[in-house]
Amino acid sequence: MGINLKNINQQKTSTTPKKGVDKTSILQFLNQDISFNSSYPDKKKEQFYAEISLLLSAGTDIKTALELIVDETEKKNDKKLLEGIKDDIINGLSFSEALQKTGKFTEYEYYSLKVGEETSRVDVVLSDLALFFKQKVEQKRKLSSTLTYPIVLLFSAFGMVIFLLKFLVPLFQDIFKSFNKELPAVTQFVIDASDVVSDYILLIFLIVLGIAAFIFFNKKKVWFRQLMATIILKIPVVGDMAQKIYLTRFCHAMNLLISARNPLLNSIQLVKKMIDFYPIQTALEKVEDDIMHGKSLHESMRAFSIFPKKMTSLIKVAEEINKLDTIFQSLDEQYSKELEYQSEIFGKLMEPFIILFISFIVGFIVVAMYIPMMEINTGLF
């Protein structure tokens, strides 16, 4: 999609009539289970929200904006989705309701837009949603680019070691047998490792496959999520980065919802369902309960180590001056910058470390094989 504003009739038209938010229906909605799985990719959502926000800011009504975006959309499935949204709006649904009806947009997006429609701030909410998904996509991209090379190196190292133990070492082993002499300990160790790989390579492969299957089928279970979160948070550097990834999402989502005039308790309820990280989800469940019983946000958050002390202190100040949205925005920007810096440093440090590790393993195997040969040449073997 690519929108050219020059092609738009610059006439001010009213947006789709907004429907009032029924407080009873909102309470019912908040008591429902919320699913944040979506088949509409984050990158497309970023582009969609950015373009429709731009068009609304330029004075275009929602129906015309969707028509322009549909005309620029080439993929058949995307075009069908957007046409369905446009048709539902023509038939009387609000924009938020039309998105919800597709089943491809989260309740977080739906409720943010619902509040935006009630407060006549739809274009602002759309812009914030575009920024949210932009940051989410960029985080994934940066982490992917940071971790891809080290992971490729590790898999290459694993493959190289298996190749050496499976094919190269047995060649030397046949030569050593003809000597009928006791081998050096380091050489014998490598030969024993080669025998294990040769005899049990299928079993090793099945074990790795079994572990992968075990993780896949248990990754959504509470005990497994709790265990993995505990392990990840205890890993140096990686744990700190993981914490900042989810704190960034938490702060950005809270900023968006609160700045859209969404009540604090409702914001907590929505964000709790959105962030798929066990420590933050369980913490927010207790925070939600505490707020319902009269506690302040910073008091409730302070009881959980997943929220840094500096963060809760700033939130305390924000509550006193009624600037929660501003503080969450500042924290979002701060954690995003720290995460970007840590990702770059982590990538730069990991690459030489892994290369040295690979060199050591390969060198160890090669030297272990050549020690007996050198001892023969010097008459010591």
Protein backbone atom coordinates (compact mmCIF):
# COMPACT_ATOMS: atom_id res chain seq x y z
CA MET A 1 0.00 0.00 0.00
CA GLY A 2 1.13 3.51 -0.76
CA ILE A 3 -1.13 6.52 -0.49
CA ASN A 4 -0.62 9.69 -2.52
CA LEU A 5 -2.39 12.58 -0.81
CA LYS A 6 -2.40 14.56 -4.04
CA ASN A 7 -5.04 12.20 -5.36
CA ILE A 8 -7.40 12.98 -2.50
CA ASN A 9 -10.21 15.48 -2.78
CA GLN A 10 -9.28 18.02 -0.13
CA GLN A 11 -12.84 18.46 1.10
CA LYS A 12 -13.71 18.18 4.75
CA THR A 13 -16.17 15.39 5.30
CA SER A 14 -17.46 14.01 8.52
CA THR A 15 -16.25 10.65 9.70
CA THR A 16 -18.61 7.78 10.34
CA PRO A 17 -21.08 8.69 13.08
CA LYS A 18 -19.73 7.48 16.39
CA LYS A 19 -21.76 5.18 18.51
CA GLY A 20 -21.87 5.64 22.25
CA VAL A 21 -19.96 3.24 24.44
CA ASP A 22 -22.41 1.26 26.55
CA LYS A 23 -20.86 0.93 30.01
CA THR A 24 -22.58 -2.41 30.60
CA SER A 25 -21.24 -3.85 27.35
CA ILE A 26 -17.75 -2.60 28.18
CA LEU A 27 -17.86 -4.35 31.57
CA GLN A 28 -19.02 -7.52 29.85
CA PHE A 29 -16.23 -7.17 27.33
CA LEU A 30 -13.61 -6.73 30.06
CA ASN A 31 -14.76 -9.95 31.73
CA GLN A 32 -14.26 -11.95 28.54
CA ASP A 33 -11.14 -13.89 27.64
CA ILE A 34 -9.12 -11.84 25.20
CA SER A 35 -7.11 -13.46 22.44
CA PHE A 36 -4.21 -11.60 20.93
CA ASN A 37 -3.37 -14.06 18.20
CA SER A 38 -3.76 -12.47 14.80
CA SER A 39 -3.34 -13.68 11.26
CA TYR A 40 -2.83 -10.13 9.99
CA PRO A 41 0.93 -9.45 10.29
CA ASP A 42 2.24 -6.64 12.50
CA LYS A 43 4.06 -5.04 9.57
CA LYS A 44 0.81 -4.72 7.60
CA LYS A 45 -0.98 -3.36 10.65
CA GLU A 46 1.71 -0.70 11.05
CA GLN A 47 1.29 0.38 7.44
CA PHE A 48 -2.51 0.23 7.59
CA TYR A 49 -2.79 2.36 10.74
CA ALA A 50 -0.18 4.86 9.54
CA GLU A 51 -1.92 5.41 6.20
CA ILE A 52 -5.44 5.64 7.55
CA SER A 53 -4.27 8.05 10.27
CA LEU A 54 -2.62 10.23 7.62
CA LEU A 55 -5.77 10.24 5.50
CA LEU A 56 -8.05 11.12 8.41
CA SER A 57 -5.69 13.92 9.46
CA ALA A 58 -5.90 15.27 5.90
CA GLY A 59 -9.68 15.58 6.26
CA THR A 60 -10.78 12.39 4.52
CA ASP A 61 -13.69 10.46 6.01
CA ILE A 62 -13.15 6.85 7.08
CA LYS A 63 -15.06 5.34 4.15
CA THR A 64 -13.09 7.30 1.52
CA ALA A 65 -9.84 6.54 3.32
CA LEU A 66 -10.56 2.82 3.18
CA GLU A 67 -11.52 3.05 -0.50
CA LEU A 68 -8.16 4.69 -1.27
CA ILE A 69 -6.26 2.06 0.69
CA VAL A 70 -8.21 -0.77 -0.96
CA ASP A 71 -7.40 0.65 -4.42
CA GLU A 72 -3.68 0.65 -3.55
CA THR A 73 -3.76 -2.89 -2.12
CA GLU A 74 -2.55 -5.59 -4.52
CA LYS A 75 -2.78 -8.82 -2.51
CA LYS A 76 -6.14 -10.51 -2.96
CA ASN A 77 -6.63 -11.58 0.67
CA ASP A 78 -5.70 -8.16 2.05
CA LYS A 79 -8.00 -6.46 -0.45
CA LYS A 80 -10.87 -8.73 0.56
CA LEU A 81 -10.27 -8.02 4.25
CA LEU A 82 -10.24 -4.23 3.80
CA GLU A 83 -13.28 -4.29 1.52
CA GLY A 84 -15.14 -6.23 4.21
CA ILE A 85 -14.25 -3.57 6.78
CA LYS A 86 -15.42 -0.81 4.42
CA ASP A 87 -18.72 -2.61 3.70
CA ASP A 88 -19.41 -3.10 7.41
CA ILE A 89 -18.87 0.63 8.03
CA ILE A 90 -21.26 1.46 5.17
CA ASN A 91 -23.80 -0.88 6.79
CA GLY A 92 -23.64 1.07 10.05
CA LEU A 93 -20.83 -0.41 12.15
CA SER A 94 -18.23 1.84 13.72
CA PHE A 95 -14.61 1.48 12.60
CA SER A 96 -13.62 -0.35 15.79
CA GLU A 97 -16.57 -2.76 15.47
CA ALA A 98 -15.76 -3.43 11.81
CA LEU A 99 -12.18 -4.33 12.73
CA GLN A 100 -13.32 -6.55 15.58
CA LYS A 101 -15.76 -8.40 13.32
CA THR A 102 -12.91 -9.62 11.07
CA GLY A 103 -11.30 -11.56 13.93
CA LYS A 104 -7.87 -10.46 12.70
CA PHE A 105 -7.42 -7.50 15.03
CA THR A 106 -6.83 -7.76 18.77
CA GLU A 107 -9.13 -6.56 21.53
CA TYR A 108 -6.35 -4.16 22.49
CA GLU A 109 -6.71 -2.45 19.11
CA TYR A 110 -10.50 -2.64 19.23
CA TYR A 111 -10.85 -1.05 22.65
CA SER A 112 -8.22 1.61 21.96
CA LEU A 113 -10.14 2.66 18.85
CA LYS A 114 -13.47 2.41 20.69
CA VAL A 115 -12.27 4.94 23.26
CA GLY A 116 -10.75 7.04 20.47
CA GLU A 117 -14.13 7.19 18.74
CA GLU A 118 -15.82 8.30 21.96
CA THR A 119 -13.27 11.07 22.56
CA SER A 120 -13.00 12.16 18.88
CA ARG A 121 -9.31 11.19 18.85
CA VAL A 122 -9.40 8.35 16.32
CA ASP A 123 -6.57 9.81 14.22
CA VAL A 124 -4.36 10.14 17.31
CA VAL A 125 -5.11 6.57 18.43
CA LEU A 126 -4.42 5.29 14.91
CA SER A 127 -1.09 7.11 14.88
CA ASP A 128 -0.21 5.61 18.28
CA LEU A 129 -1.16 2.12 17.09
CA ALA A 130 1.02 2.58 14.01
CA LEU A 131 3.92 3.58 16.26
CA PHE A 132 3.26 0.62 18.56
CA PHE A 133 3.43 -1.91 15.73
CA LYS A 134 6.39 -0.11 14.16
CA GLN A 135 8.37 -0.46 17.39
CA LYS A 136 7.28 -4.08 17.74
CA VAL A 137 8.42 -4.91 14.19
CA GLU A 138 11.71 -3.02 14.65
CA GLN A 139 12.41 -4.83 17.92
CA LYS A 140 11.88 -8.20 16.26
CA ARG A 141 14.03 -7.18 13.30
CA LYS A 142 16.89 -5.90 15.47
CA LEU A 143 16.86 -8.94 17.72
CA SER A 144 16.66 -11.20 14.68
CA SER A 145 19.62 -9.50 12.99
CA THR A 146 21.57 -9.53 16.27
CA LEU A 147 20.97 -13.20 17.00
CA THR A 148 20.90 -14.67 13.48
CA TYR A 149 24.66 -14.62 12.86
CA PRO A 150 25.62 -16.12 16.26
CA ILE A 151 22.96 -18.83 15.88
CA VAL A 152 24.17 -19.66 12.35
CA LEU A 153 27.73 -19.87 13.68
CA LEU A 154 26.67 -22.17 16.52
CA PHE A 155 24.80 -24.51 14.18
CA SER A 156 27.77 -24.45 11.78
CA ALA A 157 30.09 -25.32 14.65
CA PHE A 158 27.83 -28.17 15.74
CA GLY A 159 27.69 -29.51 12.17
CA MET A 160 31.45 -29.18 11.77
CA VAL A 161 32.15 -31.07 15.01
CA ILE A 162 29.75 -33.86 14.01
CA PHE A 163 31.43 -34.08 10.59
CA LEU A 164 34.93 -34.27 12.10
CA LEU A 165 33.92 -36.89 14.67
CA LYS A 166 31.90 -38.94 12.20
CA PHE A 167 34.21 -38.92 9.16
CA LEU A 168 37.69 -37.49 9.89
CA VAL A 169 38.52 -39.08 13.25
CA PRO A 170 37.71 -42.67 12.10
CA LEU A 171 40.34 -42.29 9.34
CA PHE A 172 43.01 -41.58 11.94
CA GLN A 173 41.60 -44.29 14.20
CA ASP A 174 42.34 -46.95 11.58
CA ILE A 175 45.92 -45.69 11.32
CA PHE A 176 46.39 -45.70 15.12
CA LYS A 177 45.16 -49.29 15.39
CA SER A 178 48.08 -50.45 13.27
CA PHE A 179 50.50 -48.96 15.84
CA ASN A 180 49.23 -51.29 18.59
CA LYS A 181 50.30 -48.71 21.19
CA GLU A 182 48.50 -46.85 23.96
CA LEU A 183 47.22 -43.50 22.71
CA PRO A 184 47.61 -40.18 24.56
CA ALA A 185 44.63 -39.38 26.81
CA VAL A 186 43.47 -36.42 24.72
CA THR A 187 43.53 -38.53 21.53
CA GLN A 188 41.68 -41.39 23.20
CA PHE A 189 39.04 -38.94 24.46
CA VAL A 190 38.37 -37.65 20.92
CA ILE A 191 38.24 -41.21 19.53
CA ASP A 192 35.75 -42.24 22.24
CA ALA A 193 33.63 -39.19 21.37
CA SER A 194 33.79 -40.21 17.71
CA ASP A 195 32.60 -43.73 18.58
CA VAL A 196 29.65 -42.30 20.55
CA VAL A 197 28.66 -40.06 17.63
CA SER A 198 29.02 -42.89 15.10
CA ASP A 199 27.05 -45.39 17.20
CA TYR A 200 24.34 -43.10 18.52
CA ILE A 201 23.95 -40.34 15.91
CA LEU A 202 20.36 -41.40 15.16
CA LEU A 203 19.54 -41.49 18.87
CA ILE A 204 21.10 -38.02 19.34
CA PHE A 205 18.98 -36.70 16.47
CA LEU A 206 15.82 -38.25 17.97
CA ILE A 207 16.61 -36.75 21.40
CA VAL A 208 17.04 -33.28 19.87
CA LEU A 209 13.79 -33.76 17.93
CA GLY A 210 12.05 -34.95 21.10
CA ILE A 211 13.20 -31.90 23.06
CA ALA A 212 11.95 -29.60 20.28
CA ALA A 213 8.57 -31.40 20.23
CA PHE A 214 8.34 -31.25 24.03
CA ILE A 215 8.92 -27.48 23.97
CA PHE A 216 6.41 -26.99 21.15
CA PHE A 217 3.59 -28.88 22.89
CA ASN A 218 4.22 -27.38 26.34
CA LYS A 219 5.13 -23.77 25.48
CA LYS A 220 1.65 -22.46 26.38
CA LYS A 221 1.32 -24.34 29.66
CA VAL A 222 1.64 -22.23 32.81
CA TRP A 223 4.35 -24.33 34.48
CA PHE A 224 6.49 -24.29 31.33
CA ARG A 225 6.08 -20.53 30.77
CA GLN A 226 7.01 -19.92 34.40
CA LEU A 227 10.08 -22.18 34.15
CA MET A 228 11.30 -20.64 30.87
CA ALA A 229 10.81 -17.09 32.15
CA THR A 230 12.78 -17.90 35.30
CA ILE A 231 15.64 -19.42 33.28
CA ILE A 232 15.73 -16.57 30.73
CA LEU A 233 15.75 -13.83 33.39
CA LYS A 234 18.71 -15.47 35.15
CA ILE A 235 20.88 -15.57 32.02
CA PRO A 236 23.34 -12.62 32.10
CA VAL A 237 22.63 -9.90 29.50
CA VAL A 238 19.92 -12.01 27.80
CA GLY A 239 17.69 -11.80 30.88
CA ASP A 240 18.07 -8.03 31.11
CA MET A 241 17.28 -7.66 27.40
CA ALA A 242 14.19 -9.89 27.68
CA GLN A 243 12.94 -7.85 30.64
CA LYS A 244 13.38 -4.60 28.72
CA ILE A 245 11.58 -5.96 25.64
CA TYR A 246 8.43 -6.63 27.64
CA LEU A 247 8.73 -3.50 29.78
CA THR A 248 8.91 -1.47 26.57
CA ARG A 249 5.71 -3.09 25.29
CA PHE A 250 4.04 -2.58 28.66
CA CYS A 251 4.95 1.12 28.83
CA HIS A 252 3.96 1.81 25.22
CA ALA A 253 0.61 0.06 25.61
CA MET A 254 -0.14 1.87 28.89
CA ASN A 255 0.78 5.21 27.32
CA LEU A 256 -1.52 4.58 24.36
CA LEU A 257 -4.49 3.49 26.47
CA ILE A 258 -4.18 6.16 29.16
CA SER A 259 -3.58 8.97 26.65
CA ALA A 260 -6.78 7.80 24.91
CA ARG A 261 -8.62 8.59 28.18
CA ASN A 262 -8.99 4.94 29.06
CA PRO A 263 -9.46 4.27 32.82
CA LEU A 264 -6.39 2.91 34.60
CA LEU A 265 -8.04 -0.34 35.69
CA ASN A 266 -9.30 -1.06 32.18
CA SER A 267 -5.83 -0.34 30.79
CA ILE A 268 -4.25 -2.83 33.20
CA GLN A 269 -6.84 -5.46 32.27
CA LEU A 270 -6.13 -5.05 28.56
CA VAL A 271 -2.34 -4.92 28.81
CA LYS A 272 -2.35 -8.00 31.05
CA LYS A 273 -3.94 -9.96 28.22
CA MET A 274 -1.63 -8.50 25.62
CA ILE A 275 1.82 -9.21 27.08
CA ASP A 276 2.67 -12.89 26.77
CA PHE A 277 5.38 -12.95 29.45
CA TYR A 278 4.54 -14.90 32.60
CA PRO A 279 6.17 -12.65 35.27
CA ILE A 280 4.47 -9.49 33.96
CA GLN A 281 1.10 -11.19 33.40
CA THR A 282 0.97 -12.62 36.92
CA ALA A 283 2.19 -9.32 38.40
CA LEU A 284 -0.52 -7.38 36.56
CA GLU A 285 -3.20 -9.79 37.83
CA LYS A 286 -2.24 -8.86 41.41
CA VAL A 287 -1.84 -5.17 40.49
CA GLU A 288 -5.36 -5.21 39.03
CA ASP A 289 -6.74 -6.73 42.23
CA ASP A 290 -4.85 -4.21 44.41
CA ILE A 291 -6.15 -1.24 42.41
CA MET A 292 -9.72 -2.55 42.76
CA HIS A 293 -9.17 -2.55 46.53
CA GLY A 294 -7.90 1.02 46.61
CA LYS A 295 -4.12 0.72 46.26
CA SER A 296 -2.17 3.03 43.98
CA LEU A 297 -0.44 1.72 40.85
CA HIS A 298 3.10 2.32 42.09
CA GLU A 299 2.38 0.62 45.44
CA SER A 300 1.09 -2.49 43.70
CA MET A 301 3.93 -2.65 41.17
CA ARG A 302 6.61 -2.18 43.82
CA ALA A 303 5.91 -5.67 45.19
CA PHE A 304 7.24 -7.30 42.00
CA SER A 305 10.92 -7.42 41.05
CA ILE A 306 10.08 -7.53 37.33
CA PHE A 307 9.33 -3.79 37.61
CA PRO A 308 12.54 -1.79 38.34
CA LYS A 309 12.55 0.51 41.39
CA LYS A 310 13.31 3.52 39.22
CA MET A 311 10.21 2.76 37.16
CA THR A 312 7.89 2.52 40.17
CA SER A 313 9.38 5.71 41.65
CA LEU A 314 8.66 7.63 38.45
CA ILE A 315 5.13 6.21 38.34
CA LYS A 316 4.60 7.40 41.93
CA VAL A 317 5.53 10.95 40.88
CA ALA A 318 3.33 10.65 37.78
CA GLU A 319 0.33 9.61 39.88
CA GLU A 320 0.82 12.61 42.16
CA ILE A 321 0.85 15.09 39.26
CA ASN A 322 -1.64 13.14 37.10
CA LYS A 323 0.85 12.58 34.23
CA LEU A 324 0.89 8.80 33.90
CA ASP A 325 0.73 8.85 30.10
CA THR A 326 3.76 11.17 29.91
CA ILE A 327 5.83 9.02 32.26
CA PHE A 328 4.94 5.82 30.42
CA GLN A 329 5.93 7.49 27.14
CA SER A 330 9.30 8.54 28.60
CA LEU A 331 9.92 5.06 30.02
CA ASP A 332 9.01 3.51 26.68
CA GLU A 333 11.56 5.70 24.88
CA GLN A 334 14.22 5.06 27.52
CA TYR A 335 13.86 1.27 27.49
CA SER A 336 13.75 1.23 23.67
CA LYS A 337 17.08 3.10 23.46
CA GLU A 338 18.69 0.91 26.12
CA LEU A 339 17.49 -2.23 24.35
CA GLU A 340 18.82 -1.05 20.99
CA TYR A 341 22.24 -0.29 22.52
CA GLN A 342 22.40 -3.62 24.37
CA SER A 343 21.41 -5.55 21.25
CA GLU A 344 24.24 -3.98 19.24
CA ILE A 345 26.82 -4.62 21.99
CA PHE A 346 25.58 -8.18 22.52
CA GLY A 347 25.89 -8.95 18.81
CA LYS A 348 29.38 -7.47 18.57
CA LEU A 349 30.60 -9.42 21.62
CA MET A 350 28.99 -12.72 20.68
CA GLU A 351 30.49 -12.97 17.19
CA PRO A 352 34.20 -13.08 18.19
CA PHE A 353 33.40 -15.26 21.21
CA ILE A 354 31.66 -17.88 19.06
CA ILE A 355 34.42 -17.75 16.44
CA LEU A 356 37.02 -18.36 19.18
CA PHE A 357 34.89 -21.20 20.57
CA ILE A 358 34.63 -22.85 17.14
CA SER A 359 38.37 -22.42 16.57
CA PHE A 360 39.12 -24.00 19.94
CA ILE A 361 36.89 -27.05 19.34
CA VAL A 362 38.18 -27.69 15.81
CA GLY A 363 41.77 -27.03 16.87
CA PHE A 364 41.39 -29.40 19.83
CA ILE A 365 40.20 -32.25 17.58
CA VAL A 366 42.91 -31.66 14.96
CA VAL A 367 45.73 -31.41 17.53
CA ALA A 368 44.46 -34.52 19.33
CA MET A 369 44.71 -36.45 16.07
CA TYR A 370 48.20 -35.18 15.22
CA ILE A 371 49.86 -35.68 18.61
CA PRO A 372 50.48 -39.43 18.01
CA MET A 373 51.79 -38.67 14.49
CA MET A 374 54.26 -36.11 15.85
CA GLU A 375 55.37 -38.52 18.58
CA ILE A 376 56.08 -41.15 15.93
CA ASN A 377 58.24 -38.70 14.01
CA THR A 378 60.24 -37.88 17.14
CA GLY A 379 60.51 -41.53 18.14
CA LEU A 380 58.52 -41.08 21.37
CA PHE A 381 55.55 -43.17 20.38
